[in-house]
C-alpha atoms as a PDB file:
ATOM      1  CA  MET A   1     -15.768  15.051  35.333  1.00  0.00           C
ATOM      2  CA  SER A   2     -13.120  17.743  35.630  1.00  0.00           C
ATOM      3  CA  LYS A   3     -11.131  18.196  38.789  1.00  0.00           C
ATOM      4  CA  THR A   4     -11.862  21.912  38.969  1.00  0.00           C
ATOM      5  CA  THR A   5     -15.164  23.673  38.898  1.00  0.00           C
ATOM      6  CA  ASN A   6     -16.028  25.805  35.901  1.00  0.00           C
ATOM      7  CA  LYS A   7     -16.590  29.294  37.209  1.00  0.00           C
ATOM      8  CA  PHE A   8     -17.573  30.649  33.802  1.00  0.00           C
ATOM      9  CA  SER A   9     -20.578  29.619  31.746  1.00  0.00           C
ATOM     10  CA  PRO A  10     -20.120  28.566  28.118  1.00  0.00           C
ATOM     11  CA  GLU A  11     -21.802  31.817  27.060  1.00  0.00           C
ATOM     12  CA  VAL A  12     -19.247  33.899  28.963  1.00  0.00           C
ATOM     13  CA  ARG A  13     -16.422  31.883  27.460  1.00  0.00           C
ATOM     14  CA  GLU A  14     -17.762  32.283  23.933  1.00  0.00           C
ATOM     15  CA  ARG A  15     -18.250  36.009  24.412  1.00  0.00           C
ATOM     16  CA  ALA A  16     -14.739  36.454  25.809  1.00  0.00           C
ATOM     17  CA  VAL A  17     -13.217  34.535  22.897  1.00  0.00           C
ATOM     18  CA  ARG A  18     -15.260  36.572  20.430  1.00  0.00           C
ATOM     19  CA  MET A  19     -14.079  39.778  22.123  1.00  0.00           C
ATOM     20  CA  VAL A  20     -10.444  38.712  21.791  1.00  0.00           C
ATOM     21  CA  LEU A  21     -10.804  37.802  18.132  1.00  0.00           C
ATOM     22  CA  ASP A  22     -12.827  40.914  17.284  1.00  0.00           C
ATOM     23  CA  ASN A  23     -10.618  43.372  19.200  1.00  0.00           C
ATOM     24  CA  GLU A  24      -7.214  41.867  18.508  1.00  0.00           C
ATOM     25  CA  GLU A  25      -6.314  44.551  15.971  1.00  0.00           C
ATOM     26  CA  GLN A  26      -7.060  47.342  18.494  1.00  0.00           C
ATOM     27  CA  HIS A  27      -4.275  46.057  20.737  1.00  0.00           C
ATOM     28  CA  GLY A  28      -0.570  45.708  19.968  1.00  0.00           C
ATOM     29  CA  SER A  29      -0.799  41.916  19.966  1.00  0.00           C
ATOM     30  CA  ARG A  30      -3.166  39.074  20.669  1.00  0.00           C
ATOM     31  CA  TRP A  31      -1.637  38.623  24.113  1.00  0.00           C
ATOM     32  CA  GLN A  32      -2.369  42.262  24.986  1.00  0.00           C
ATOM     33  CA  ALA A  33      -5.978  41.765  23.905  1.00  0.00           C
ATOM     34  CA  ILE A  34      -6.186  38.597  25.982  1.00  0.00           C
ATOM     35  CA  THR A  35      -4.748  40.211  29.124  1.00  0.00           C
ATOM     36  CA  SER A  36      -7.046  43.207  28.780  1.00  0.00           C
ATOM     37  CA  ILE A  37     -10.207  41.141  28.318  1.00  0.00           C
ATOM     38  CA  ALA A  38      -9.203  38.563  30.950  1.00  0.00           C
ATOM     39  CA  ALA A  39      -8.918  41.336  33.530  1.00  0.00           C
ATOM     40  CA  LYS A  40     -12.402  42.579  32.610  1.00  0.00           C
ATOM     41  CA  ILE A  41     -14.103  39.192  33.011  1.00  0.00           C
ATOM     42  CA  GLY A  42     -12.073  38.062  36.013  1.00  0.00           C
ATOM     43  CA  CYS A  43     -10.119  35.105  34.683  1.00  0.00           C
ATOM     44  CA  SER A  44      -6.410  34.602  34.148  1.00  0.00           C
ATOM     45  CA  ALA A  45      -4.873  35.503  30.812  1.00  0.00           C
ATOM     46  CA  ASN A  46      -3.627  31.926  30.397  1.00  0.00           C
ATOM     47  CA  THR A  47      -7.157  30.589  30.870  1.00  0.00           C
ATOM     48  CA  LEU A  48      -8.562  32.941  28.249  1.00  0.00           C
ATOM     49  CA  ASN A  49      -5.685  32.082  25.917  1.00  0.00           C
ATOM     50  CA  ASP A  50      -6.580  28.383  26.296  1.00  0.00           C
ATOM     51  CA  TRP A  51     -10.218  29.181  25.462  1.00  0.00           C
ATOM     52  CA  VAL A  52      -9.138  31.080  22.326  1.00  0.00           C
ATOM     53  CA  LYS A  53      -6.893  28.213  21.191  1.00  0.00           C
ATOM     54  CA  LYS A  54      -9.682  25.682  21.814  1.00  0.00           C
ATOM     55  CA  ALA A  55     -12.143  27.807  19.822  1.00  0.00           C
ATOM     56  CA  GLU A  56      -9.665  28.014  16.940  1.00  0.00           C
ATOM     57  CA  ILE A  57      -9.168  24.240  16.981  1.00  0.00           C
ATOM     58  CA  ASP A  58     -12.923  23.630  17.067  1.00  0.00           C
ATOM     59  CA  SER A  59     -13.461  26.008  14.128  1.00  0.00           C
ATOM     60  CA  GLY A  60     -10.640  24.437  12.100  1.00  0.00           C
ATOM     61  CA  LYS A  61      -8.395  27.521  12.127  1.00  0.00           C
ATOM     62  CA  ARG A  62      -5.752  25.711  14.195  1.00  0.00           C
ATOM     63  CA  SER A  63      -4.620  22.092  14.076  1.00  0.00           C
ATOM     64  CA  GLY A  64      -5.511  19.842  16.965  1.00  0.00           C
ATOM     65  CA  VAL A  65      -8.198  17.514  18.266  1.00  0.00           C
ATOM     66  CA  PRO A  66     -11.626  19.221  18.339  1.00  0.00           C
ATOM     67  CA  SER A  67     -13.489  19.250  21.659  1.00  0.00           C
ATOM     68  CA  GLU A  68     -16.242  16.948  20.420  1.00  0.00           C
ATOM     69  CA  MET A  69     -13.723  14.334  19.290  1.00  0.00           C
ATOM     70  CA  ALA A  70     -11.738  14.615  22.530  1.00  0.00           C
ATOM     71  CA  GLU A  71     -14.914  14.090  24.588  1.00  0.00           C
ATOM     72  CA  ARG A  72     -15.867  11.078  22.448  1.00  0.00           C
ATOM     73  CA  MET A  73     -12.395   9.554  22.853  1.00  0.00           C
ATOM     74  CA  LYS A  74     -12.519  10.086  26.609  1.00  0.00           C
ATOM     75  CA  ALA A  75     -15.936   8.386  26.824  1.00  0.00           C
ATOM     76  CA  LEU A  76     -14.703   5.439  24.740  1.00  0.00           C
ATOM     77  CA  GLU A  77     -11.578   5.074  26.880  1.00  0.00           C
ATOM     78  CA  ARG A  78     -13.742   5.059  30.014  1.00  0.00           C
ATOM     79  CA  GLU A  79     -16.060   2.425  28.494  1.00  0.00           C
ATOM     80  CA  ASN A  80     -13.067   0.341  27.409  1.00  0.00           C
ATOM     81  CA  HIS A  81     -11.674   0.455  30.964  1.00  0.00           C
ATOM     82  CA  GLU A  82     -15.019  -0.646  32.433  1.00  0.00           C
ATOM     83  CA  LEU A  83     -15.288  -3.519  29.951  1.00  0.00           C
ATOM     84  CA  ARG A  84     -11.759  -4.691  30.765  1.00  0.00           C
ATOM     85  CA  GLN A  85     -12.649  -4.692  34.468  1.00  0.00           C
ATOM     86  CA  ALA A  86     -15.841  -6.655  33.788  1.00  0.00           C
ATOM     87  CA  ASN A  87     -13.915  -9.186  31.687  1.00  0.00           C
ATOM     88  CA  GLU A  88     -11.365  -9.646  34.457  1.00  0.00           C
ATOM     89  CA  ILE A  89     -14.139 -10.253  37.001  1.00  0.00           C
ATOM     90  CA  LEU A  90     -15.786 -12.791  34.685  1.00  0.00           C
ATOM     91  CA  ARG A  91     -12.453 -14.534  34.048  1.00  0.00           C
ATOM     92  CA  LYS A  92     -11.820 -14.878  37.802  1.00  0.00           C
ATOM     93  CA  ALA A  93     -15.376 -16.065  38.465  1.00  0.00           C
ATOM     94  CA  SER A  94     -15.092 -18.635  35.693  1.00  0.00           C
ATOM     95  CA  ALA A  95     -11.834 -19.963  37.132  1.00  0.00           C
ATOM     96  CA  TYR A  96     -13.356 -20.105  40.613  1.00  0.00           C
ATOM     97  CA  PHE A  97     -16.407 -22.066  39.446  1.00  0.00           C
ATOM     98  CA  ALA A  98     -14.271 -24.377  37.309  1.00  0.00           C
ATOM     99  CA  MET A  99     -12.145 -25.212  40.364  1.00  0.00           C
ATOM    100  CA  ALA A 100     -15.278 -25.721  42.460  1.00  0.00           C
ATOM    101  CA  GLU A 101     -16.647 -28.128  39.831  1.00  0.00           C
ATOM    102  CA  LEU A 102     -13.363 -30.081  39.767  1.00  0.00           C
ATOM    103  CA  ASP A 103     -13.381 -30.309  43.585  1.00  0.00           C
ATOM    104  CA  ARG A 104     -16.980 -31.529  43.528  1.00  0.00           C
ATOM    105  CA  ARG A 105     -16.222 -34.216  40.945  1.00  0.00           C
ATOM    106  CA  SER A 106     -13.125 -35.481  42.753  1.00  0.00           C
ATOM    107  CA  LYS A 107     -15.054 -36.236  45.942  1.00  0.00           C
END
């Protein structure tokens, strides 16, 4: 789960990105289009720029790790961490019971 709340719905994000890409030529540069549209929807220009970059990566127009792959990797890393913790608990429990069995046999 992200540390910040998402103020904008995916639909608003998609529409804003589409507006930037469709209206880029009407502005002097992409950054001018981004700042203009960001002001209209109430987000920072840097946030909208990140959305545009992410959309370009997801569509294959820009190199990088697509969102779907990044989410899958994050889920696998989380699962791997949980499994390592479970293995450590089992290793400690096994050692504890092995010692208890040795103590029982030596008496």
